[in-house]
Amino acid sequence: MALPLESTPHLIGLSQQVEQALAGEHPEVLAAVRDAQNTWKGLHDRLIAIIVGFLDDAVEQGSDLAELLERVRLRTTVGVPNTATAAPDPHKIAALLRSHGAVGSVHVTESAVVFEHACGSGQQYWRNHPETPKTREGEVPGVPVGLPRYCARCIDTVDALGTAGWLVTPPSSLEERCRWTVPVSIQQRFADPK
């Protein structure tokens, strides 16, 4: 199903969107966008490294990772966009993924929107640090063994948010993409785009 970019959820990076819109004109604007995006990406990557260190230290000191993630989620004061309603908004979900540096593709079916993305958070950390400690058997319910612990944080959060039955299929290797399958009423969603 091919819909115009403006009416379809998409995982196209901001710099690429600006580059397409400018069509070769105003290279200074594109340079400014790329510079700002690189600054944000550097800050984001440092935050991911801090979270990874926090999770690894807690596990190495004997904390149960599933309980730790639940406590962190309950204490979080920064709200996550309301994407987990009865009729999830695929545009908000795509924006959430893009804001975390995830690029890839979006596939619309009759019953779901499938986001296949090269994760810009946990998987990016995994690519840069392949020896990072991985989840162990039973460490977090629903999280496959062998994923970086940061992925456990993401999957746990999505599971808590995805009250409408979201399904996360994490990558089993560095080369694969993460997949979020989100049930949605396509007819309702695209009849009233936000």
N, C-alpha and C. Protein backbone atom coordinates (compact mmCIF):
# COMPACT_ATOMS: atom_id res chain seq x y z
N MET A 1 0.86 -1.17 0.00
CA MET A 1 0.00 0.00 0.00
C MET A 1 0.90 1.23 0.00
N ALA A 2 0.93 1.97 -1.08
CA ALA A 2 1.78 3.15 -1.17
C ALA A 2 0.94 4.41 -0.99
N LEU A 3 1.21 5.13 0.07
CA LEU A 3 0.52 6.38 0.34
C LEU A 3 1.54 7.51 0.32
N PRO A 4 1.12 8.73 0.04
CA PRO A 4 2.06 9.86 0.07
C PRO A 4 2.70 9.99 1.44
N LEU A 5 3.95 10.47 1.46
CA LEU A 5 4.71 10.60 2.69
C LEU A 5 3.94 11.36 3.76
N GLU A 6 3.27 12.43 3.37
CA GLU A 6 2.60 13.26 4.38
C GLU A 6 1.41 12.55 5.03
N SER A 7 0.87 11.50 4.40
CA SER A 7 -0.27 10.81 5.01
C SER A 7 0.10 9.42 5.53
N THR A 8 1.35 9.04 5.36
CA THR A 8 1.80 7.72 5.77
C THR A 8 2.83 7.83 6.89
N PRO A 9 2.73 7.01 7.92
CA PRO A 9 3.81 7.00 8.92
C PRO A 9 5.11 6.61 8.21
N HIS A 10 6.20 7.22 8.57
CA HIS A 10 7.46 6.92 7.89
C HIS A 10 8.63 6.99 8.88
N LEU A 11 9.71 6.34 8.50
CA LEU A 11 10.93 6.34 9.31
C LEU A 11 12.08 6.89 8.49
N ILE A 12 11.89 8.06 7.95
CA ILE A 12 12.91 8.75 7.17
C ILE A 12 13.54 9.79 8.08
N GLY A 13 14.87 9.78 8.16
CA GLY A 13 15.58 10.70 9.05
C GLY A 13 15.35 12.16 8.69
N LEU A 14 15.46 13.02 9.69
CA LEU A 14 15.21 14.45 9.49
C LEU A 14 16.11 15.05 8.42
N SER A 15 17.40 14.74 8.46
CA SER A 15 18.32 15.30 7.46
C SER A 15 17.92 14.90 6.05
N GLN A 16 17.51 13.65 5.88
CA GLN A 16 17.09 13.18 4.56
C GLN A 16 15.81 13.89 4.12
N GLN A 17 14.88 14.10 5.05
CA GLN A 17 13.65 14.83 4.71
C GLN A 17 13.95 16.25 4.27
N VAL A 18 14.84 16.92 5.02
CA VAL A 18 15.20 18.30 4.68
C VAL A 18 15.92 18.33 3.34
N GLU A 19 16.82 17.38 3.13
CA GLU A 19 17.55 17.32 1.86
C GLU A 19 16.59 17.16 0.68
N GLN A 20 15.60 16.29 0.82
CA GLN A 20 14.60 16.10 -0.25
C GLN A 20 13.78 17.36 -0.47
N ALA A 21 13.40 18.01 0.63
CA ALA A 21 12.58 19.22 0.51
C ALA A 21 13.33 20.38 -0.14
N LEU A 22 14.62 20.48 0.15
CA LEU A 22 15.40 21.60 -0.38
C LEU A 22 15.85 21.38 -1.82
N ALA A 23 15.87 20.12 -2.27
CA ALA A 23 16.22 19.79 -3.65
C ALA A 23 17.49 20.51 -4.11
N GLY A 24 18.52 20.48 -3.28
CA GLY A 24 19.79 21.08 -3.66
C GLY A 24 19.94 22.56 -3.37
N GLU A 25 18.87 23.21 -3.01
CA GLU A 25 18.94 24.64 -2.69
C GLU A 25 19.24 24.82 -1.20
N HIS A 26 19.77 25.95 -0.85
CA HIS A 26 20.07 26.34 0.54
C HIS A 26 20.88 25.28 1.29
N PRO A 27 22.09 24.99 0.79
CA PRO A 27 22.92 23.98 1.48
C PRO A 27 23.25 24.36 2.91
N GLU A 28 23.23 25.67 3.23
CA GLU A 28 23.53 26.10 4.60
C GLU A 28 22.44 25.63 5.57
N VAL A 29 21.21 25.56 5.10
CA VAL A 29 20.12 25.08 5.96
C VAL A 29 20.31 23.59 6.24
N LEU A 30 20.61 22.82 5.20
CA LEU A 30 20.85 21.39 5.38
C LEU A 30 22.04 21.16 6.31
N ALA A 31 23.10 21.96 6.16
CA ALA A 31 24.28 21.83 7.03
C ALA A 31 23.91 22.11 8.48
N ALA A 32 23.08 23.12 8.72
CA ALA A 32 22.66 23.47 10.08
C ALA A 32 21.82 22.33 10.68
N VAL A 33 20.93 21.74 9.89
CA VAL A 33 20.11 20.64 10.37
C VAL A 33 20.98 19.44 10.72
N ARG A 34 21.93 19.13 9.83
CA ARG A 34 22.82 17.99 10.09
C ARG A 34 23.66 18.22 11.35
N ASP A 35 24.14 19.45 11.52
CA ASP A 35 24.94 19.78 12.70
C ASP A 35 24.12 19.62 13.98
N ALA A 36 22.90 20.13 13.97
CA ALA A 36 22.03 20.01 15.14
C ALA A 36 21.70 18.54 15.41
N GLN A 37 21.45 17.78 14.36
CA GLN A 37 21.13 16.37 14.53
C GLN A 37 22.34 15.60 15.09
N ASN A 38 23.54 15.93 14.63
CA ASN A 38 24.73 15.27 15.16
C ASN A 38 24.96 15.61 16.63
N THR A 39 24.69 16.86 17.00
CA THR A 39 24.82 17.25 18.41
C THR A 39 23.84 16.46 19.27
N TRP A 40 22.58 16.39 18.81
CA TRP A 40 21.58 15.61 19.55
C TRP A 40 21.99 14.16 19.64
N LYS A 41 22.49 13.59 18.53
CA LYS A 41 22.86 12.17 18.51
C LYS A 41 23.98 11.90 19.51
N GLY A 42 24.95 12.83 19.61
CA GLY A 42 26.01 12.66 20.59
C GLY A 42 25.50 12.64 22.01
N LEU A 43 24.58 13.54 22.32
CA LEU A 43 23.97 13.57 23.66
C LEU A 43 23.16 12.30 23.92
N HIS A 44 22.40 11.88 22.94
CA HIS A 44 21.59 10.67 23.05
C HIS A 44 22.48 9.46 23.31
N ASP A 45 23.58 9.33 22.55
CA ASP A 45 24.48 8.19 22.70
C ASP A 45 25.11 8.16 24.09
N ARG A 46 25.44 9.34 24.63
CA ARG A 46 26.01 9.39 25.98
C ARG A 46 24.97 8.95 27.01
N LEU A 47 23.73 9.37 26.83
CA LEU A 47 22.66 8.95 27.74
C LEU A 47 22.47 7.44 27.70
N ILE A 48 22.49 6.86 26.51
CA ILE A 48 22.35 5.40 26.38
C ILE A 48 23.49 4.71 27.13
N ALA A 49 24.71 5.21 26.98
CA ALA A 49 25.86 4.61 27.67
C ALA A 49 25.68 4.66 29.19
N ILE A 50 25.14 5.77 29.70
CA ILE A 50 24.89 5.90 31.14
C ILE A 50 23.85 4.88 31.59
N ILE A 51 22.77 4.76 30.82
CA ILE A 51 21.71 3.79 31.17
C ILE A 51 22.25 2.37 31.13
N VAL A 52 23.04 2.04 30.10
CA VAL A 52 23.63 0.70 30.01
C VAL A 52 24.50 0.42 31.23
N GLY A 53 25.33 1.39 31.60
CA GLY A 53 26.19 1.21 32.78
C GLY A 53 25.38 1.02 34.05
N PHE A 54 24.31 1.78 34.19
CA PHE A 54 23.42 1.68 35.34
C PHE A 54 22.80 0.28 35.42
N LEU A 55 22.28 -0.21 34.30
CA LEU A 55 21.66 -1.54 34.28
C LEU A 55 22.68 -2.63 34.57
N ASP A 56 23.86 -2.55 33.94
CA ASP A 56 24.88 -3.57 34.16
C ASP A 56 25.37 -3.58 35.61
N ASP A 57 25.60 -2.40 36.18
CA ASP A 57 26.04 -2.33 37.58
C ASP A 57 25.00 -2.94 38.51
N ALA A 58 23.73 -2.62 38.26
CA ALA A 58 22.67 -3.15 39.12
C ALA A 58 22.62 -4.67 39.05
N VAL A 59 22.71 -5.24 37.85
CA VAL A 59 22.66 -6.69 37.71
C VAL A 59 23.89 -7.33 38.36
N GLU A 60 25.07 -6.73 38.13
CA GLU A 60 26.29 -7.29 38.71
C GLU A 60 26.28 -7.23 40.24
N GLN A 61 25.50 -6.31 40.82
CA GLN A 61 25.38 -6.21 42.27
C GLN A 61 24.22 -7.07 42.80
N GLY A 62 23.58 -7.82 41.91
CA GLY A 62 22.56 -8.76 42.34
C GLY A 62 21.12 -8.32 42.22
N SER A 63 20.87 -7.17 41.63
CA SER A 63 19.47 -6.72 41.47
C SER A 63 18.79 -7.52 40.36
N ASP A 64 17.52 -7.81 40.57
CA ASP A 64 16.71 -8.46 39.55
C ASP A 64 16.37 -7.42 38.49
N LEU A 65 16.75 -7.67 37.23
CA LEU A 65 16.59 -6.66 36.18
C LEU A 65 15.12 -6.34 35.93
N ALA A 66 14.25 -7.34 35.93
CA ALA A 66 12.82 -7.07 35.69
C ALA A 66 12.25 -6.16 36.77
N GLU A 67 12.59 -6.44 38.04
CA GLU A 67 12.10 -5.60 39.14
C GLU A 67 12.69 -4.19 39.06
N LEU A 68 13.96 -4.11 38.70
CA LEU A 68 14.61 -2.81 38.57
C LEU A 68 13.94 -1.97 37.49
N LEU A 69 13.67 -2.57 36.35
CA LEU A 69 13.02 -1.84 35.25
C LEU A 69 11.63 -1.36 35.67
N GLU A 70 10.90 -2.20 36.40
CA GLU A 70 9.57 -1.80 36.88
C GLU A 70 9.68 -0.60 37.83
N ARG A 71 10.63 -0.63 38.75
CA ARG A 71 10.81 0.49 39.68
C ARG A 71 11.17 1.77 38.93
N VAL A 72 12.06 1.66 37.95
CA VAL A 72 12.45 2.83 37.16
C VAL A 72 11.25 3.39 36.41
N ARG A 73 10.47 2.51 35.80
CA ARG A 73 9.29 2.96 35.04
C ARG A 73 8.30 3.68 35.94
N LEU A 74 8.09 3.14 37.15
CA LEU A 74 7.14 3.76 38.08
C LEU A 74 7.62 5.11 38.59
N ARG A 75 8.94 5.32 38.63
CA ARG A 75 9.48 6.58 39.13
C ARG A 75 9.73 7.61 38.03
N THR A 76 9.56 7.21 36.79
CA THR A 76 9.83 8.14 35.69
C THR A 76 8.80 9.26 35.70
N THR A 77 9.30 10.48 35.69
CA THR A 77 8.40 11.64 35.73
C THR A 77 8.22 12.28 34.36
N VAL A 78 9.03 11.88 33.40
CA VAL A 78 8.88 12.41 32.05
C VAL A 78 7.92 11.51 31.30
N GLY A 79 6.83 12.08 30.84
CA GLY A 79 5.81 11.29 30.17
C GLY A 79 6.25 10.82 28.80
N VAL A 80 5.79 9.66 28.42
CA VAL A 80 6.01 9.13 27.08
C VAL A 80 4.78 9.49 26.27
N PRO A 81 4.95 9.89 25.00
CA PRO A 81 3.76 10.24 24.21
C PRO A 81 2.69 9.17 24.28
N ASN A 82 1.45 9.60 24.35
CA ASN A 82 0.35 8.65 24.50
C ASN A 82 0.12 7.93 23.18
N THR A 83 0.85 6.85 22.99
CA THR A 83 0.74 6.08 21.76
C THR A 83 0.00 4.76 21.98
N ALA A 84 -0.42 4.49 23.21
CA ALA A 84 -0.98 3.19 23.53
C ALA A 84 -2.48 3.25 23.78
N THR A 85 -3.18 4.02 23.00
CA THR A 85 -4.63 4.09 23.13
C THR A 85 -5.26 2.89 22.44
N ALA A 86 -6.58 2.78 22.53
CA ALA A 86 -7.28 1.67 21.88
C ALA A 86 -7.03 1.69 20.37
N ALA A 87 -6.90 2.88 19.79
CA ALA A 87 -6.58 3.00 18.37
C ALA A 87 -5.26 3.77 18.27
N PRO A 88 -4.12 3.08 18.38
CA PRO A 88 -2.84 3.76 18.41
C PRO A 88 -2.62 4.63 17.17
N ASP A 89 -1.94 5.73 17.36
CA ASP A 89 -1.66 6.65 16.27
C ASP A 89 -0.30 6.28 15.66
N PRO A 90 -0.29 5.69 14.47
CA PRO A 90 0.99 5.26 13.88
C PRO A 90 1.93 6.42 13.59
N HIS A 91 1.38 7.63 13.37
CA HIS A 91 2.23 8.80 13.13
C HIS A 91 3.02 9.15 14.40
N LYS A 92 2.37 9.06 15.57
CA LYS A 92 3.06 9.35 16.83
C LYS A 92 4.12 8.28 17.11
N ILE A 93 3.80 7.04 16.80
CA ILE A 93 4.76 5.96 17.02
C ILE A 93 5.98 6.15 16.11
N ALA A 94 5.73 6.49 14.84
CA ALA A 94 6.83 6.76 13.91
C ALA A 94 7.67 7.93 14.40
N ALA A 95 7.01 8.98 14.89
CA ALA A 95 7.75 10.15 15.39
C ALA A 95 8.60 9.77 16.60
N LEU A 96 8.06 8.91 17.48
CA LEU A 96 8.81 8.45 18.64
C LEU A 96 10.06 7.70 18.20
N LEU A 97 9.91 6.81 17.22
CA LEU A 97 11.05 6.06 16.71
C LEU A 97 12.07 6.98 16.05
N ARG A 98 11.59 7.91 15.21
CA ARG A 98 12.50 8.85 14.54
C ARG A 98 13.27 9.69 15.55
N SER A 99 12.59 10.09 16.63
CA SER A 99 13.25 10.93 17.64
C SER A 99 14.36 10.17 18.36
N HIS A 100 14.34 8.84 18.26
CA HIS A 100 15.41 8.02 18.84
C HIS A 100 16.39 7.55 17.78
N GLY A 101 16.37 8.19 16.63
CA GLY A 101 17.33 7.87 15.58
C GLY A 101 17.03 6.61 14.82
N ALA A 102 15.82 6.07 14.95
CA ALA A 102 15.46 4.86 14.23
C ALA A 102 15.03 5.20 12.81
N VAL A 103 15.66 4.59 11.84
CA VAL A 103 15.28 4.76 10.44
C VAL A 103 14.96 3.39 9.87
N GLY A 104 14.11 3.36 8.86
CA GLY A 104 13.74 2.09 8.27
C GLY A 104 12.51 2.24 7.42
N SER A 105 11.59 1.29 7.57
CA SER A 105 10.40 1.30 6.73
C SER A 105 9.16 1.03 7.57
N VAL A 106 8.02 1.44 7.00
CA VAL A 106 6.73 1.22 7.63
C VAL A 106 5.85 0.48 6.64
N HIS A 107 5.25 -0.61 7.08
CA HIS A 107 4.37 -1.40 6.23
C HIS A 107 2.96 -1.37 6.83
N VAL A 108 2.00 -0.97 6.03
CA VAL A 108 0.62 -0.88 6.48
C VAL A 108 -0.15 -2.09 5.96
N THR A 109 -0.82 -2.81 6.88
CA THR A 109 -1.69 -3.92 6.48
C THR A 109 -3.10 -3.61 6.97
N GLU A 110 -4.01 -4.49 6.73
CA GLU A 110 -5.39 -4.28 7.16
C GLU A 110 -5.52 -4.23 8.67
N SER A 111 -4.67 -4.97 9.37
CA SER A 111 -4.83 -5.09 10.82
C SER A 111 -3.73 -4.44 11.65
N ALA A 112 -2.64 -4.02 11.01
CA ALA A 112 -1.53 -3.50 11.80
C ALA A 112 -0.65 -2.58 10.98
N VAL A 113 0.16 -1.83 11.69
CA VAL A 113 1.24 -1.08 11.08
C VAL A 113 2.53 -1.70 11.62
N VAL A 114 3.42 -2.08 10.72
CA VAL A 114 4.66 -2.74 11.10
C VAL A 114 5.82 -1.79 10.84
N PHE A 115 6.53 -1.47 11.91
CA PHE A 115 7.70 -0.59 11.84
C PHE A 115 8.94 -1.47 11.88
N GLU A 116 9.68 -1.52 10.80
CA GLU A 116 10.95 -2.25 10.76
C GLU A 116 12.05 -1.22 10.75
N HIS A 117 12.85 -1.19 11.81
CA HIS A 117 13.81 -0.09 11.92
C HIS A 117 15.17 -0.53 12.42
N ALA A 118 16.17 0.17 11.92
CA ALA A 118 17.52 0.03 12.44
C ALA A 118 17.56 0.90 13.69
N CYS A 119 17.39 0.28 14.82
CA CYS A 119 17.28 1.00 16.09
C CYS A 119 18.46 1.93 16.30
N GLY A 120 18.15 3.17 16.67
CA GLY A 120 19.18 4.16 16.93
C GLY A 120 19.59 4.23 18.39
N SER A 121 19.05 3.34 19.22
CA SER A 121 19.36 3.37 20.66
C SER A 121 20.13 2.12 21.07
N GLY A 122 19.43 1.12 21.58
CA GLY A 122 20.09 -0.09 22.09
C GLY A 122 20.87 -0.83 21.03
N GLN A 123 20.31 -0.96 19.84
CA GLN A 123 21.02 -1.70 18.79
C GLN A 123 22.24 -0.92 18.30
N GLN A 124 22.11 0.42 18.26
CA GLN A 124 23.26 1.24 17.89
C GLN A 124 24.38 1.07 18.92
N TYR A 125 24.02 1.04 20.21
CA TYR A 125 25.02 0.82 21.26
C TYR A 125 25.66 -0.55 21.06
N TRP A 126 24.85 -1.55 20.74
CA TRP A 126 25.33 -2.91 20.51
C TRP A 126 26.32 -2.93 19.34
N ARG A 127 26.00 -2.20 18.25
CA ARG A 127 26.91 -2.15 17.11
C ARG A 127 28.26 -1.54 17.51
N ASN A 128 28.21 -0.49 18.31
CA ASN A 128 29.44 0.20 18.71
C ASN A 128 30.21 -0.53 19.81
N HIS A 129 29.50 -1.38 20.58
CA HIS A 129 30.12 -2.12 21.69
C HIS A 129 29.62 -3.57 21.66
N PRO A 130 30.09 -4.37 20.69
CA PRO A 130 29.54 -5.73 20.52
C PRO A 130 29.75 -6.64 21.73
N GLU A 131 30.70 -6.30 22.61
CA GLU A 131 30.94 -7.15 23.78
C GLU A 131 30.11 -6.74 24.99
N THR A 132 29.17 -5.80 24.81
CA THR A 132 28.34 -5.38 25.94
C THR A 132 27.62 -6.58 26.55
N PRO A 133 27.49 -6.64 27.89
CA PRO A 133 26.79 -7.77 28.51
C PRO A 133 25.36 -7.92 27.98
N LYS A 134 24.92 -9.15 27.87
CA LYS A 134 23.62 -9.46 27.28
C LYS A 134 22.68 -10.03 28.36
N THR A 135 21.39 -10.02 28.03
CA THR A 135 20.40 -10.60 28.94
C THR A 135 20.64 -12.10 29.06
N ARG A 136 20.34 -12.61 30.27
CA ARG A 136 20.49 -14.03 30.54
C ARG A 136 19.10 -14.66 30.62
N GLU A 137 19.09 -15.97 30.67
CA GLU A 137 17.84 -16.73 30.75
C GLU A 137 17.00 -16.25 31.93
N GLY A 138 15.75 -15.85 31.65
CA GLY A 138 14.81 -15.44 32.68
C GLY A 138 15.09 -14.09 33.31
N GLU A 139 16.05 -13.33 32.79
CA GLU A 139 16.40 -12.05 33.42
C GLU A 139 15.24 -11.06 33.34
N VAL A 140 14.57 -11.01 32.20
CA VAL A 140 13.39 -10.16 32.06
C VAL A 140 12.35 -10.96 31.27
N PRO A 141 11.18 -11.21 31.86
CA PRO A 141 10.15 -11.97 31.13
C PRO A 141 9.84 -11.33 29.79
N GLY A 142 9.80 -12.17 28.74
CA GLY A 142 9.47 -11.68 27.41
C GLY A 142 10.64 -11.12 26.63
N VAL A 143 11.82 -11.05 27.24
CA VAL A 143 13.00 -10.53 26.55
C VAL A 143 13.91 -11.71 26.20
N PRO A 144 14.19 -11.90 24.90
CA PRO A 144 15.03 -13.03 24.50
C PRO A 144 16.44 -12.95 25.11
N VAL A 145 17.01 -14.11 25.33
CA VAL A 145 18.37 -14.21 25.83
C VAL A 145 19.32 -13.70 24.74
N GLY A 146 20.37 -13.01 25.18
CA GLY A 146 21.41 -12.61 24.24
C GLY A 146 21.27 -11.21 23.69
N LEU A 147 20.27 -10.45 24.15
CA LEU A 147 20.15 -9.06 23.73
C LEU A 147 20.88 -8.16 24.72
N PRO A 148 21.38 -7.03 24.26
CA PRO A 148 21.96 -6.09 25.22
C PRO A 148 20.90 -5.69 26.25
N ARG A 149 21.31 -5.41 27.46
CA ARG A 149 20.34 -5.08 28.51
C ARG A 149 19.55 -3.82 28.20
N TYR A 150 20.11 -2.92 27.41
CA TYR A 150 19.34 -1.73 27.04
C TYR A 150 18.10 -2.14 26.24
N CYS A 151 18.23 -3.16 25.40
CA CYS A 151 17.06 -3.65 24.65
C CYS A 151 15.97 -4.12 25.61
N ALA A 152 16.37 -4.71 26.74
CA ALA A 152 15.40 -5.15 27.74
C ALA A 152 14.62 -3.96 28.27
N ARG A 153 15.30 -2.84 28.46
CA ARG A 153 14.62 -1.63 28.94
C ARG A 153 13.56 -1.19 27.93
N CYS A 154 13.92 -1.18 26.65
CA CYS A 154 13.00 -0.76 25.60
C CYS A 154 11.81 -1.72 25.51
N ILE A 155 12.09 -3.02 25.42
CA ILE A 155 11.02 -4.01 25.28
C ILE A 155 10.08 -3.96 26.48
N ASP A 156 10.65 -3.81 27.68
CA ASP A 156 9.84 -3.72 28.89
C ASP A 156 8.93 -2.48 28.84
N THR A 157 9.46 -1.35 28.39
CA THR A 157 8.67 -0.12 28.30
C THR A 157 7.57 -0.25 27.26
N VAL A 158 7.91 -0.79 26.09
CA VAL A 158 6.91 -0.97 25.03
C VAL A 158 5.81 -1.92 25.50
N ASP A 159 6.20 -2.97 26.21
CA ASP A 159 5.21 -3.91 26.71
C ASP A 159 4.25 -3.23 27.67
N ALA A 160 4.78 -2.34 28.51
CA ALA A 160 3.92 -1.62 29.45
C ALA A 160 3.02 -0.62 28.74
N LEU A 161 3.55 0.02 27.70
CA LEU A 161 2.76 1.00 26.95
C LEU A 161 1.75 0.35 26.02
N GLY A 162 2.15 -0.78 25.46
CA GLY A 162 1.36 -1.36 24.38
C GLY A 162 0.15 -2.13 24.86
N THR A 163 -0.74 -1.43 25.53
CA THR A 163 -1.91 -2.09 26.10
C THR A 163 -2.82 -2.66 25.03
N ALA A 164 -2.65 -2.24 23.77
CA ALA A 164 -3.49 -2.76 22.69
C ALA A 164 -2.86 -3.97 22.03
N GLY A 165 -1.82 -4.54 22.62
CA GLY A 165 -1.23 -5.76 22.10
C GLY A 165 -0.07 -5.56 21.14
N TRP A 166 0.73 -4.55 21.37
CA TRP A 166 1.91 -4.34 20.52
C TRP A 166 2.81 -5.56 20.62
N LEU A 167 3.51 -5.86 19.54
CA LEU A 167 4.45 -6.96 19.53
C LEU A 167 5.81 -6.43 19.10
N VAL A 168 6.83 -6.62 19.94
CA VAL A 168 8.19 -6.25 19.60
C VAL A 168 8.94 -7.51 19.24
N THR A 169 9.53 -7.52 18.05
CA THR A 169 10.38 -8.63 17.63
C THR A 169 11.78 -8.06 17.51
N PRO A 170 12.58 -8.22 18.57
CA PRO A 170 13.91 -7.61 18.55
C PRO A 170 14.83 -8.34 17.58
N PRO A 171 15.89 -7.66 17.14
CA PRO A 171 16.84 -8.31 16.24
C PRO A 171 17.65 -9.35 17.01
N SER A 172 17.98 -10.45 16.34
CA SER A 172 18.81 -11.46 17.00
C SER A 172 20.28 -11.27 16.64
N SER A 173 20.55 -10.29 15.77
CA SER A 173 21.93 -10.00 15.42
C SER A 173 22.06 -8.50 15.14
N LEU A 174 23.30 -8.06 15.00
CA LEU A 174 23.55 -6.65 14.73
C LEU A 174 23.03 -6.21 13.37
N GLU A 175 22.95 -7.13 12.43
CA GLU A 175 22.57 -6.79 11.06
C GLU A 175 21.05 -6.70 10.87
N GLU A 176 20.29 -7.35 11.72
CA GLU A 176 18.83 -7.38 11.55
C GLU A 176 18.20 -6.09 12.06
N ARG A 177 16.93 -5.91 11.71
CA ARG A 177 16.18 -4.75 12.20
C ARG A 177 15.23 -5.17 13.31
N CYS A 178 14.94 -4.22 14.17
CA CYS A 178 13.93 -4.43 15.19
C CYS A 178 12.57 -4.22 14.52
N ARG A 179 11.55 -4.96 14.95
CA ARG A 179 10.22 -4.82 14.36
C ARG A 179 9.20 -4.59 15.45
N TRP A 180 8.42 -3.51 15.28
CA TRP A 180 7.27 -3.25 16.15
C TRP A 180 6.01 -3.47 15.31
N THR A 181 5.14 -4.37 15.76
CA THR A 181 3.87 -4.60 15.09
C THR A 181 2.78 -4.02 15.98
N VAL A 182 2.07 -3.02 15.44
CA VAL A 182 1.10 -2.27 16.23
C VAL A 182 -0.28 -2.40 15.61
N PRO A 183 -1.23 -3.05 16.30
CA PRO A 183 -2.58 -3.16 15.77
C PRO A 183 -3.21 -1.78 15.61
N VAL A 184 -3.94 -1.59 14.53
CA VAL A 184 -4.55 -0.28 14.28
C VAL A 184 -5.69 -0.44 13.29
N SER A 185 -6.69 0.42 13.43
CA SER A 185 -7.76 0.47 12.45
C SER A 185 -7.31 1.42 11.35
N ILE A 186 -6.85 0.87 10.25
CA ILE A 186 -6.30 1.69 9.16
C ILE A 186 -7.36 2.64 8.62
N GLN A 187 -8.56 2.15 8.45
CA GLN A 187 -9.62 3.00 7.90
C GLN A 187 -9.84 4.21 8.80
N GLN A 188 -9.89 4.01 10.12
CA GLN A 188 -10.08 5.11 11.06
C GLN A 188 -8.85 6.01 11.06
N ARG A 189 -7.67 5.42 11.07
CA ARG A 189 -6.42 6.18 11.19
C ARG A 189 -6.24 7.16 10.02
N PHE A 190 -6.42 6.67 8.81
CA PHE A 190 -6.13 7.50 7.65
C PHE A 190 -7.32 8.35 7.23
N ALA A 191 -8.48 8.10 7.81
CA ALA A 191 -9.63 8.98 7.56
C ALA A 191 -9.50 10.25 8.38
N ASP A 192 -8.72 10.21 9.45
CA ASP A 192 -8.58 11.37 10.34
C ASP A 192 -7.12 11.58 10.68
N PRO A 193 -6.26 11.90 9.68
CA PRO A 193 -4.82 12.04 9.93
C PRO A 193 -4.53 13.22 10.84
N LYS A 194 -3.50 13.07 11.69
CA LYS A 194 -3.09 14.14 12.60
C LYS A 194 -1.93 14.88 11.99
